[in-house]
Amino acid sequence: MPANNEVGAKIRNLRELRGISLDELAQRCQMQAQQVNKIEAGEIATSLTPLLKIARGLGVRLGTFLDDAEASGPVLSRAQDSCRTVRFAGAGDVKGLDFHPLAANKSDRNMEPFIIDVHPPLSSNFELSSHEGEEFIYVLDGAVEIAWGKEKYLLQQGESIYYDSITPHHVHAVNGKDARILAVVYAPY
C-alpha cells in the first residue's frame, strides 16, 4: 500500500507548480491551512471529501492524486495485476476505507472507479460528509449501510445505489464484518 505521503507529495507538487501558497489553497478549499499542510506531509490519512476539495482548489480531477503515467487509450485492470491501495480515513473514523483505483492511468476521465474495502465504523457517532458530484455503489461482498441525509439504506451483496453526493453521506460495513464494493465517483472539477 503506498504511503499517504505519495498523495500528499503530489498535492504539494501541483500546488507549487501552480504558484499557489498553502494559505491560498486552504482558503480556496475552505479548510484550515494546518490540515492541508498535514495532508501534504502525509501525516494524516484524510477522508475523500477534503481530497475532493483540494482537487477542486487546484483545478484537477481527484484521480490526479492517484495517477502514475497517464494513458489516452483504454486502461485495463486484470485480476492478476497487483492493484495499489490508498487508505482514506472515514470522517471521524480511524479505520477508514481502502481504495483500489481501477483506472488510475486513464487521462481525461470523468469518472473515478474503485474497488473499496469497507470497514465497520469504530463507533455509531460517525460524521457524514459531502462533496459535489454523484456516486454509484455496487456491493460485491458483505453488507454496507449508506447513511444519506436523514435516510439509511442497507445493501447486501449484489445490490446497488446511485446518489447525489452533495447530500451528506457515510458508507460503512455492518454486522462487524468488512465488505467490498465497486464504487464509481463522479466529481466535476
N, C-alpha and C. Protein backbone atom coordinates (compact mmCIF):
# COMPACT_ATOMS: atom_id res chain seq x y z
N MET A 1 0.86 -1.18 0.00
CA MET A 1 0.00 0.00 0.00
C MET A 1 0.90 1.23 0.00
N PRO A 2 0.70 2.20 -0.90
CA PRO A 2 1.53 3.39 -0.90
C PRO A 2 1.26 4.22 0.35
N ALA A 3 2.28 4.89 0.77
CA ALA A 3 2.15 5.74 1.95
C ALA A 3 1.30 6.95 1.62
N ASN A 4 0.67 7.50 2.66
CA ASN A 4 -0.15 8.70 2.48
C ASN A 4 0.68 9.85 1.92
N ASN A 5 2.01 9.79 2.13
CA ASN A 5 2.82 10.91 1.66
C ASN A 5 2.96 10.93 0.15
N GLU A 6 2.63 9.82 -0.56
CA GLU A 6 2.64 9.88 -2.03
C GLU A 6 1.54 10.81 -2.53
N VAL A 7 0.36 10.69 -1.97
CA VAL A 7 -0.74 11.58 -2.34
C VAL A 7 -0.41 13.00 -1.91
N GLY A 8 0.08 13.15 -0.68
CA GLY A 8 0.45 14.47 -0.17
C GLY A 8 1.52 15.13 -1.01
N ALA A 9 2.51 14.36 -1.43
CA ALA A 9 3.60 14.90 -2.26
C ALA A 9 3.06 15.39 -3.61
N LYS A 10 2.10 14.66 -4.17
CA LYS A 10 1.50 15.09 -5.44
C LYS A 10 0.73 16.40 -5.25
N ILE A 11 0.02 16.50 -4.14
CA ILE A 11 -0.72 17.73 -3.86
C ILE A 11 0.25 18.90 -3.74
N ARG A 12 1.30 18.72 -2.94
CA ARG A 12 2.28 19.79 -2.75
C ARG A 12 2.92 20.19 -4.09
N ASN A 13 3.32 19.19 -4.90
CA ASN A 13 3.95 19.48 -6.19
C ASN A 13 3.01 20.26 -7.10
N LEU A 14 1.75 19.85 -7.18
CA LEU A 14 0.78 20.57 -8.01
C LEU A 14 0.58 21.99 -7.51
N ARG A 15 0.48 22.15 -6.21
CA ARG A 15 0.28 23.48 -5.62
C ARG A 15 1.47 24.38 -5.95
N GLU A 16 2.67 23.86 -5.77
CA GLU A 16 3.87 24.66 -6.04
C GLU A 16 4.03 24.97 -7.52
N LEU A 17 3.71 23.98 -8.39
CA LEU A 17 3.79 24.22 -9.84
C LEU A 17 2.84 25.33 -10.28
N ARG A 18 1.71 25.45 -9.61
CA ARG A 18 0.73 26.47 -9.94
C ARG A 18 1.00 27.79 -9.22
N GLY A 19 2.04 27.82 -8.38
CA GLY A 19 2.37 29.04 -7.65
C GLY A 19 1.34 29.44 -6.62
N ILE A 20 0.70 28.45 -5.99
CA ILE A 20 -0.34 28.70 -5.01
C ILE A 20 0.25 28.48 -3.61
N SER A 21 0.07 29.44 -2.74
CA SER A 21 0.57 29.27 -1.38
C SER A 21 -0.33 28.29 -0.62
N LEU A 22 0.21 27.77 0.47
CA LEU A 22 -0.56 26.87 1.32
C LEU A 22 -1.81 27.56 1.84
N ASP A 23 -1.67 28.81 2.28
CA ASP A 23 -2.82 29.56 2.80
C ASP A 23 -3.86 29.81 1.72
N GLU A 24 -3.40 30.11 0.50
CA GLU A 24 -4.35 30.35 -0.60
C GLU A 24 -5.13 29.09 -0.94
N LEU A 25 -4.42 27.95 -0.98
CA LEU A 25 -5.12 26.70 -1.28
C LEU A 25 -6.12 26.38 -0.17
N ALA A 26 -5.73 26.56 1.07
CA ALA A 26 -6.64 26.30 2.19
C ALA A 26 -7.89 27.18 2.08
N GLN A 27 -7.69 28.44 1.70
CA GLN A 27 -8.83 29.35 1.56
C GLN A 27 -9.73 28.90 0.42
N ARG A 28 -9.15 28.50 -0.71
CA ARG A 28 -9.94 28.02 -1.85
C ARG A 28 -10.78 26.79 -1.47
N CYS A 29 -10.20 25.96 -0.59
CA CYS A 29 -10.84 24.70 -0.21
C CYS A 29 -11.74 24.84 1.00
N GLN A 30 -11.75 26.02 1.61
CA GLN A 30 -12.48 26.25 2.85
C GLN A 30 -12.06 25.25 3.92
N MET A 31 -10.72 25.13 4.05
CA MET A 31 -10.11 24.24 5.02
C MET A 31 -9.08 25.03 5.82
N GLN A 32 -8.64 24.47 6.93
CA GLN A 32 -7.57 25.07 7.71
C GLN A 32 -6.24 24.79 7.03
N ALA A 33 -5.34 25.78 6.99
CA ALA A 33 -4.02 25.59 6.37
C ALA A 33 -3.26 24.46 7.05
N GLN A 34 -3.43 24.32 8.36
CA GLN A 34 -2.74 23.27 9.11
C GLN A 34 -3.17 21.88 8.62
N GLN A 35 -4.47 21.71 8.31
CA GLN A 35 -4.95 20.43 7.82
C GLN A 35 -4.36 20.13 6.44
N VAL A 36 -4.34 21.13 5.55
CA VAL A 36 -3.77 20.94 4.22
C VAL A 36 -2.29 20.60 4.34
N ASN A 37 -1.59 21.28 5.23
CA ASN A 37 -0.17 21.01 5.45
C ASN A 37 0.06 19.58 5.92
N LYS A 38 -0.77 19.09 6.84
CA LYS A 38 -0.62 17.72 7.34
C LYS A 38 -0.92 16.70 6.25
N ILE A 39 -1.88 17.00 5.38
CA ILE A 39 -2.19 16.11 4.27
C ILE A 39 -1.00 16.07 3.31
N GLU A 40 -0.44 17.23 2.98
CA GLU A 40 0.71 17.28 2.09
C GLU A 40 1.91 16.53 2.66
N ALA A 41 2.09 16.61 3.97
CA ALA A 41 3.22 15.96 4.62
C ALA A 41 2.99 14.46 4.83
N GLY A 42 1.78 13.98 4.56
CA GLY A 42 1.48 12.57 4.76
C GLY A 42 1.32 12.21 6.22
N GLU A 43 1.08 13.21 7.06
CA GLU A 43 0.96 12.97 8.50
C GLU A 43 -0.40 12.40 8.88
N ILE A 44 -1.41 12.64 8.04
CA ILE A 44 -2.75 12.14 8.34
C ILE A 44 -3.34 11.48 7.11
N ALA A 45 -4.12 10.44 7.35
CA ALA A 45 -4.93 9.85 6.29
C ALA A 45 -6.23 10.62 6.32
N THR A 46 -6.60 11.16 5.21
CA THR A 46 -7.79 12.01 5.15
C THR A 46 -8.96 11.27 4.53
N SER A 47 -10.13 11.81 4.70
CA SER A 47 -11.30 11.24 4.02
C SER A 47 -11.34 11.76 2.59
N LEU A 48 -12.24 11.22 1.82
CA LEU A 48 -12.36 11.59 0.41
C LEU A 48 -12.79 13.04 0.24
N THR A 49 -13.63 13.54 1.11
CA THR A 49 -14.17 14.90 0.96
C THR A 49 -13.08 15.97 0.94
N PRO A 50 -12.13 15.99 1.89
CA PRO A 50 -11.07 17.01 1.79
C PRO A 50 -10.24 16.88 0.52
N LEU A 51 -10.00 15.64 0.06
CA LEU A 51 -9.23 15.48 -1.17
C LEU A 51 -9.99 16.02 -2.37
N LEU A 52 -11.30 15.85 -2.39
CA LEU A 52 -12.10 16.42 -3.47
C LEU A 52 -12.05 17.95 -3.42
N LYS A 53 -12.09 18.53 -2.22
CA LYS A 53 -11.99 19.99 -2.08
C LYS A 53 -10.63 20.48 -2.57
N ILE A 54 -9.57 19.76 -2.22
CA ILE A 54 -8.23 20.15 -2.66
C ILE A 54 -8.11 20.03 -4.17
N ALA A 55 -8.64 18.94 -4.73
CA ALA A 55 -8.60 18.78 -6.19
C ALA A 55 -9.30 19.95 -6.87
N ARG A 56 -10.47 20.32 -6.36
CA ARG A 56 -11.21 21.46 -6.92
C ARG A 56 -10.38 22.74 -6.77
N GLY A 57 -9.78 22.94 -5.60
CA GLY A 57 -8.97 24.14 -5.35
C GLY A 57 -7.77 24.24 -6.28
N LEU A 58 -7.26 23.08 -6.70
CA LEU A 58 -6.12 23.06 -7.63
C LEU A 58 -6.56 22.98 -9.09
N GLY A 59 -7.88 22.76 -9.31
CA GLY A 59 -8.39 22.67 -10.69
C GLY A 59 -8.03 21.38 -11.38
N VAL A 60 -7.98 20.27 -10.60
CA VAL A 60 -7.66 18.97 -11.17
C VAL A 60 -8.71 17.95 -10.77
N ARG A 61 -8.67 16.78 -11.41
CA ARG A 61 -9.54 15.66 -11.03
C ARG A 61 -8.98 15.02 -9.77
N LEU A 62 -9.83 14.39 -8.99
CA LEU A 62 -9.40 13.63 -7.83
C LEU A 62 -8.36 12.59 -8.23
N GLY A 63 -8.58 11.94 -9.35
CA GLY A 63 -7.68 10.89 -9.81
C GLY A 63 -6.26 11.36 -10.06
N THR A 64 -6.07 12.64 -10.24
CA THR A 64 -4.72 13.17 -10.45
C THR A 64 -3.81 12.81 -9.28
N PHE A 65 -4.36 12.71 -8.09
CA PHE A 65 -3.56 12.37 -6.92
C PHE A 65 -3.20 10.89 -6.89
N LEU A 66 -3.90 10.07 -7.67
CA LEU A 66 -3.67 8.63 -7.67
C LEU A 66 -2.97 8.15 -8.93
N ASP A 67 -2.87 9.01 -9.94
CA ASP A 67 -2.34 8.63 -11.24
C ASP A 67 -0.84 8.41 -11.21
N ASP A 68 -0.40 7.52 -12.10
CA ASP A 68 1.01 7.37 -12.41
C ASP A 68 1.17 7.99 -13.80
N ALA A 69 1.71 7.25 -14.75
CA ALA A 69 1.81 7.75 -16.11
C ALA A 69 0.44 7.63 -16.76
N GLU A 70 -0.03 8.68 -17.39
CA GLU A 70 -1.37 8.66 -17.97
C GLU A 70 -1.39 8.01 -19.35
N ALA A 71 -2.49 7.35 -19.66
CA ALA A 71 -2.71 6.72 -20.95
C ALA A 71 -3.96 7.33 -21.58
N SER A 72 -3.92 7.54 -22.89
CA SER A 72 -5.08 8.13 -23.55
C SER A 72 -6.04 7.06 -24.07
N GLY A 73 -5.58 5.84 -24.26
CA GLY A 73 -6.43 4.76 -24.73
C GLY A 73 -7.09 4.05 -23.56
N PRO A 74 -7.67 2.88 -23.83
CA PRO A 74 -8.29 2.13 -22.75
C PRO A 74 -7.27 1.73 -21.68
N VAL A 75 -7.72 1.66 -20.45
CA VAL A 75 -6.89 1.21 -19.33
C VAL A 75 -7.51 -0.08 -18.81
N LEU A 76 -6.72 -1.14 -18.81
CA LEU A 76 -7.21 -2.44 -18.35
C LEU A 76 -6.76 -2.69 -16.92
N SER A 77 -7.63 -3.28 -16.14
CA SER A 77 -7.29 -3.77 -14.80
C SER A 77 -7.57 -5.26 -14.81
N ARG A 78 -6.53 -6.05 -14.71
CA ARG A 78 -6.67 -7.50 -14.74
C ARG A 78 -6.64 -8.05 -13.32
N ALA A 79 -7.33 -9.16 -13.11
CA ALA A 79 -7.43 -9.77 -11.78
C ALA A 79 -6.06 -10.10 -11.21
N GLN A 80 -5.13 -10.53 -12.04
CA GLN A 80 -3.81 -10.93 -11.55
C GLN A 80 -2.89 -9.74 -11.28
N ASP A 81 -3.26 -8.55 -11.76
CA ASP A 81 -2.44 -7.36 -11.52
C ASP A 81 -2.54 -6.96 -10.06
N SER A 82 -1.41 -6.60 -9.50
CA SER A 82 -1.48 -6.10 -8.13
C SER A 82 -1.93 -4.65 -8.19
N CYS A 83 -2.99 -4.37 -7.52
CA CYS A 83 -3.59 -3.04 -7.54
C CYS A 83 -3.11 -2.26 -6.33
N ARG A 84 -2.62 -1.04 -6.55
CA ARG A 84 -2.21 -0.23 -5.41
C ARG A 84 -3.42 0.08 -4.55
N THR A 85 -3.12 0.31 -3.32
CA THR A 85 -4.18 0.63 -2.37
C THR A 85 -3.87 1.97 -1.75
N VAL A 86 -4.89 2.81 -1.64
CA VAL A 86 -4.77 4.08 -0.96
C VAL A 86 -5.79 4.08 0.16
N ARG A 87 -5.33 4.35 1.37
CA ARG A 87 -6.25 4.36 2.52
C ARG A 87 -6.73 5.78 2.75
N PHE A 88 -8.04 5.91 2.85
CA PHE A 88 -8.66 7.16 3.22
C PHE A 88 -9.34 6.95 4.56
N ALA A 89 -9.17 7.88 5.45
CA ALA A 89 -9.87 7.79 6.73
C ALA A 89 -11.31 8.18 6.50
N GLY A 90 -12.20 7.48 7.14
CA GLY A 90 -13.59 7.90 7.12
C GLY A 90 -13.73 9.10 8.04
N ALA A 91 -14.70 9.94 7.80
CA ALA A 91 -14.89 11.11 8.66
C ALA A 91 -15.14 10.64 10.09
N GLY A 92 -14.25 11.00 11.00
CA GLY A 92 -14.37 10.60 12.40
C GLY A 92 -14.15 9.12 12.61
N ASP A 93 -13.53 8.45 11.66
CA ASP A 93 -13.40 7.00 11.68
C ASP A 93 -11.95 6.64 11.38
N VAL A 94 -11.22 6.14 12.35
CA VAL A 94 -9.80 5.87 12.17
C VAL A 94 -9.56 4.74 11.18
N LYS A 95 -10.42 3.73 11.16
CA LYS A 95 -10.21 2.58 10.29
C LYS A 95 -10.30 2.95 8.82
N GLY A 96 -11.30 3.71 8.44
CA GLY A 96 -11.41 4.23 7.10
C GLY A 96 -11.75 3.23 6.02
N LEU A 97 -11.34 3.55 4.81
CA LEU A 97 -11.65 2.77 3.62
C LEU A 97 -10.36 2.54 2.84
N ASP A 98 -10.21 1.36 2.27
CA ASP A 98 -9.06 1.06 1.42
C ASP A 98 -9.52 1.11 -0.03
N PHE A 99 -9.02 2.09 -0.76
CA PHE A 99 -9.40 2.30 -2.16
C PHE A 99 -8.40 1.62 -3.08
N HIS A 100 -8.91 0.86 -4.05
CA HIS A 100 -8.10 0.23 -5.07
C HIS A 100 -8.53 0.86 -6.40
N PRO A 101 -7.78 1.86 -6.91
CA PRO A 101 -8.18 2.54 -8.14
C PRO A 101 -8.15 1.57 -9.33
N LEU A 102 -9.16 1.67 -10.19
CA LEU A 102 -9.26 0.78 -11.34
C LEU A 102 -8.86 1.46 -12.65
N ALA A 103 -8.76 2.77 -12.68
CA ALA A 103 -8.42 3.46 -13.92
C ALA A 103 -7.45 4.61 -13.65
N ALA A 104 -6.51 4.37 -12.75
CA ALA A 104 -5.64 5.45 -12.29
C ALA A 104 -4.83 6.09 -13.41
N ASN A 105 -4.57 5.38 -14.48
CA ASN A 105 -3.74 5.93 -15.54
C ASN A 105 -4.52 6.49 -16.72
N LYS A 106 -5.83 6.45 -16.67
CA LYS A 106 -6.65 6.95 -17.78
C LYS A 106 -6.69 8.46 -17.74
N SER A 107 -6.23 9.09 -18.79
CA SER A 107 -6.24 10.55 -18.84
C SER A 107 -7.63 11.05 -19.22
N ASP A 108 -7.94 12.25 -18.81
CA ASP A 108 -9.19 12.94 -19.17
C ASP A 108 -10.44 12.13 -18.84
N ARG A 109 -10.42 11.41 -17.74
CA ARG A 109 -11.61 10.65 -17.37
C ARG A 109 -12.55 11.53 -16.56
N ASN A 110 -13.82 11.20 -16.62
CA ASN A 110 -14.84 11.93 -15.88
C ASN A 110 -15.34 11.16 -14.68
N MET A 111 -15.01 9.87 -14.62
CA MET A 111 -15.45 9.02 -13.51
C MET A 111 -14.22 8.45 -12.82
N GLU A 112 -14.37 8.14 -11.54
CA GLU A 112 -13.30 7.51 -10.77
C GLU A 112 -13.81 6.16 -10.27
N PRO A 113 -13.45 5.05 -10.95
CA PRO A 113 -13.91 3.74 -10.49
C PRO A 113 -12.92 3.14 -9.48
N PHE A 114 -13.46 2.55 -8.43
CA PHE A 114 -12.66 1.95 -7.37
C PHE A 114 -13.28 0.64 -6.91
N ILE A 115 -12.46 -0.27 -6.46
CA ILE A 115 -12.89 -1.35 -5.58
C ILE A 115 -12.52 -0.83 -4.20
N ILE A 116 -13.44 -0.89 -3.25
CA ILE A 116 -13.18 -0.34 -1.91
C ILE A 116 -13.46 -1.41 -0.87
N ASP A 117 -12.48 -1.62 0.00
CA ASP A 117 -12.67 -2.45 1.18
C ASP A 117 -13.26 -1.54 2.25
N VAL A 118 -14.46 -1.85 2.68
CA VAL A 118 -15.20 -1.02 3.62
C VAL A 118 -15.19 -1.70 4.98
N HIS A 119 -14.84 -0.95 6.01
CA HIS A 119 -14.74 -1.49 7.35
C HIS A 119 -15.92 -1.00 8.20
N PRO A 120 -16.25 -1.75 9.25
CA PRO A 120 -17.30 -1.28 10.15
C PRO A 120 -16.82 -0.01 10.85
N PRO A 121 -17.73 0.90 11.20
CA PRO A 121 -17.31 2.12 11.91
C PRO A 121 -16.82 1.76 13.32
N LEU A 122 -15.91 2.56 13.83
CA LEU A 122 -15.40 2.33 15.17
C LEU A 122 -16.42 2.71 16.24
N SER A 123 -17.34 3.59 15.86
CA SER A 123 -18.42 3.96 16.78
C SER A 123 -19.65 4.32 15.97
N SER A 124 -20.77 4.45 16.63
CA SER A 124 -22.00 4.82 15.92
C SER A 124 -22.11 6.33 15.72
N ASN A 125 -21.10 7.07 16.16
CA ASN A 125 -21.10 8.54 16.03
C ASN A 125 -20.27 9.00 14.84
N PHE A 126 -20.35 8.30 13.71
CA PHE A 126 -19.59 8.70 12.52
C PHE A 126 -20.17 9.99 11.96
N GLU A 127 -19.31 10.74 11.27
CA GLU A 127 -19.72 12.01 10.67
C GLU A 127 -20.06 11.81 9.20
N LEU A 128 -21.12 12.45 8.74
CA LEU A 128 -21.46 12.44 7.33
C LEU A 128 -20.60 13.48 6.63
N SER A 129 -20.26 13.23 5.38
CA SER A 129 -19.51 14.20 4.60
C SER A 129 -20.19 14.38 3.26
N SER A 130 -19.88 15.48 2.59
CA SER A 130 -20.49 15.74 1.29
C SER A 130 -19.48 16.37 0.35
N HIS A 131 -19.73 16.23 -0.92
CA HIS A 131 -18.91 16.85 -1.97
C HIS A 131 -19.76 16.91 -3.22
N GLU A 132 -19.38 17.74 -4.15
CA GLU A 132 -20.13 17.83 -5.40
C GLU A 132 -19.99 16.53 -6.17
N GLY A 133 -21.00 16.20 -6.91
CA GLY A 133 -20.93 15.04 -7.79
C GLY A 133 -21.95 13.97 -7.48
N GLU A 134 -21.65 12.77 -7.96
CA GLU A 134 -22.54 11.63 -7.83
C GLU A 134 -21.70 10.40 -7.51
N GLU A 135 -22.35 9.41 -6.88
CA GLU A 135 -21.67 8.15 -6.59
C GLU A 135 -22.59 6.99 -6.94
N PHE A 136 -21.98 5.94 -7.47
CA PHE A 136 -22.67 4.67 -7.71
C PHE A 136 -21.93 3.62 -6.92
N ILE A 137 -22.65 2.83 -6.15
CA ILE A 137 -22.04 1.78 -5.32
C ILE A 137 -22.75 0.46 -5.60
N TYR A 138 -21.95 -0.58 -5.83
CA TYR A 138 -22.44 -1.93 -6.03
C TYR A 138 -21.73 -2.82 -5.02
N VAL A 139 -22.47 -3.57 -4.22
CA VAL A 139 -21.87 -4.39 -3.17
C VAL A 139 -21.40 -5.72 -3.77
N LEU A 140 -20.10 -5.95 -3.69
CA LEU A 140 -19.51 -7.18 -4.21
C LEU A 140 -19.51 -8.29 -3.16
N ASP A 141 -19.29 -7.92 -1.91
CA ASP A 141 -19.21 -8.91 -0.84
C ASP A 141 -19.59 -8.26 0.48
N GLY A 142 -20.32 -8.97 1.30
CA GLY A 142 -20.72 -8.45 2.61
C GLY A 142 -21.95 -7.56 2.51
N ALA A 143 -22.05 -6.66 3.47
CA ALA A 143 -23.19 -5.73 3.51
C ALA A 143 -22.69 -4.37 3.98
N VAL A 144 -23.30 -3.32 3.44
CA VAL A 144 -22.94 -1.96 3.83
C VAL A 144 -24.21 -1.17 4.14
N GLU A 145 -24.02 -0.17 4.96
CA GLU A 145 -25.09 0.78 5.21
C GLU A 145 -24.64 2.11 4.67
N ILE A 146 -25.53 2.75 3.93
CA ILE A 146 -25.27 4.10 3.42
C ILE A 146 -26.19 5.03 4.19
N ALA A 147 -25.57 5.91 4.98
CA ALA A 147 -26.33 6.97 5.63
C ALA A 147 -26.31 8.11 4.62
N TRP A 148 -27.47 8.54 4.16
CA TRP A 148 -27.58 9.59 3.14
C TRP A 148 -28.63 10.57 3.63
N GLY A 149 -28.16 11.76 4.01
CA GLY A 149 -29.08 12.72 4.61
C GLY A 149 -29.64 12.12 5.89
N LYS A 150 -30.95 12.11 6.02
CA LYS A 150 -31.58 11.54 7.22
C LYS A 150 -32.00 10.09 7.01
N GLU A 151 -31.73 9.54 5.83
CA GLU A 151 -32.12 8.18 5.50
C GLU A 151 -30.94 7.23 5.69
N LYS A 152 -31.26 5.95 5.86
CA LYS A 152 -30.25 4.90 5.91
C LYS A 152 -30.70 3.77 4.99
N TYR A 153 -29.75 3.27 4.21
CA TYR A 153 -30.04 2.21 3.26
C TYR A 153 -29.09 1.05 3.52
N LEU A 154 -29.62 -0.15 3.71
CA LEU A 154 -28.84 -1.35 3.91
C LEU A 154 -28.75 -2.08 2.58
N LEU A 155 -27.54 -2.33 2.12
CA LEU A 155 -27.33 -3.02 0.85
C LEU A 155 -26.56 -4.31 1.10
N GLN A 156 -27.06 -5.38 0.51
CA GLN A 156 -26.43 -6.70 0.58
C GLN A 156 -25.68 -6.96 -0.72
N GLN A 157 -24.92 -8.04 -0.74
CA GLN A 157 -24.20 -8.45 -1.94
C GLN A 157 -25.14 -8.46 -3.14
N GLY A 158 -24.70 -7.85 -4.25
CA GLY A 158 -25.49 -7.83 -5.48
C GLY A 158 -26.44 -6.64 -5.59
N GLU A 159 -26.52 -5.81 -4.56
CA GLU A 159 -27.40 -4.64 -4.59
C GLU A 159 -26.59 -3.38 -4.84
N SER A 160 -27.26 -2.34 -5.32
CA SER A 160 -26.56 -1.10 -5.66
C SER A 160 -27.39 0.12 -5.27
N ILE A 161 -26.70 1.26 -5.27
CA ILE A 161 -27.33 2.55 -5.00
C ILE A 161 -26.61 3.61 -5.84
N TYR A 162 -27.35 4.60 -6.28
CA TYR A 162 -26.80 5.73 -7.03
C TYR A 162 -27.35 6.98 -6.37
N TYR A 163 -26.49 7.91 -5.95
CA TYR A 163 -26.98 9.10 -5.25
C TYR A 163 -26.13 10.33 -5.55
N ASP A 164 -26.75 11.48 -5.30
CA ASP A 164 -26.04 12.75 -5.38
C ASP A 164 -25.19 12.88 -4.13
N SER A 165 -23.90 13.11 -4.30
CA SER A 165 -23.00 13.12 -3.15
C SER A 165 -22.92 14.49 -2.48
N ILE A 166 -23.66 15.48 -2.97
CA ILE A 166 -23.74 16.76 -2.28
C ILE A 166 -24.54 16.62 -0.99
N THR A 167 -25.43 15.62 -0.95
CA THR A 167 -26.16 15.32 0.28
C THR A 167 -25.19 14.62 1.23
N PRO A 168 -25.09 15.06 2.47
CA PRO A 168 -24.16 14.43 3.42
C PRO A 168 -24.41 12.92 3.51
N HIS A 169 -23.30 12.15 3.48
CA HIS A 169 -23.42 10.71 3.45
C HIS A 169 -22.23 10.03 4.13
N HIS A 170 -22.38 8.74 4.41
CA HIS A 170 -21.32 7.93 5.00
C HIS A 170 -21.57 6.49 4.59
N VAL A 171 -20.53 5.79 4.20
CA VAL A 171 -20.63 4.39 3.81
C VAL A 171 -19.82 3.57 4.80
N HIS A 172 -20.42 2.53 5.37
CA HIS A 172 -19.69 1.68 6.31
C HIS A 172 -20.26 0.26 6.26
N ALA A 173 -19.38 -0.68 6.61
CA ALA A 173 -19.79 -2.08 6.67
C ALA A 173 -20.65 -2.29 7.92
N VAL A 174 -21.44 -3.34 7.89
CA VAL A 174 -22.32 -3.65 9.02
C VAL A 174 -22.03 -5.06 9.54
N ASN A 175 -22.66 -5.39 10.64
CA ASN A 175 -22.55 -6.71 11.26
C ASN A 175 -21.14 -7.03 11.74
N GLY A 176 -20.32 -5.99 11.95
CA GLY A 176 -18.97 -6.19 12.46
C GLY A 176 -18.01 -6.85 11.48
N LYS A 177 -18.39 -6.93 10.20
CA LYS A 177 -17.56 -7.58 9.19
C LYS A 177 -17.23 -6.61 8.07
N ASP A 178 -16.04 -6.74 7.50
CA ASP A 178 -15.65 -5.93 6.36
C ASP A 178 -16.53 -6.29 5.16
N ALA A 179 -16.63 -5.36 4.23
CA ALA A 179 -17.37 -5.57 2.99
C ALA A 179 -16.49 -5.07 1.84
N ARG A 180 -16.88 -5.40 0.64
CA ARG A 180 -16.15 -4.93 -0.55
C ARG A 180 -17.18 -4.41 -1.54
N ILE A 181 -16.90 -3.21 -2.08
CA ILE A 181 -17.82 -2.59 -3.03
C ILE A 181 -17.09 -2.14 -4.28
N LEU A 182 -17.83 -2.01 -5.35
CA LEU A 182 -17.39 -1.30 -6.55
C LEU A 182 -18.03 0.07 -6.43
N ALA A 183 -17.23 1.11 -6.48
CA ALA A 183 -17.76 2.47 -6.41
C ALA A 183 -17.27 3.26 -7.61
N VAL A 184 -18.17 4.01 -8.20
CA VAL A 184 -17.81 4.92 -9.28
C VAL A 184 -18.23 6.31 -8.81
N VAL A 185 -17.23 7.19 -8.72
CA VAL A 185 -17.45 8.54 -8.23
C VAL A 185 -17.28 9.52 -9.39
N TYR A 186 -18.25 10.39 -9.54
CA TYR A 186 -18.15 11.49 -10.49
C TYR A 186 -18.11 12.78 -9.69
N ALA A 187 -17.06 13.54 -9.85
CA ALA A 187 -16.93 14.82 -9.18
C ALA A 187 -16.47 15.86 -10.19
N PRO A 188 -17.32 16.80 -10.55
CA PRO A 188 -16.90 17.84 -11.52
C PRO A 188 -15.78 18.67 -10.92
N TYR A 189 -14.89 19.14 -11.77
CA TYR A 189 -13.82 19.98 -11.25
C TYR A 189 -13.73 21.25 -12.04
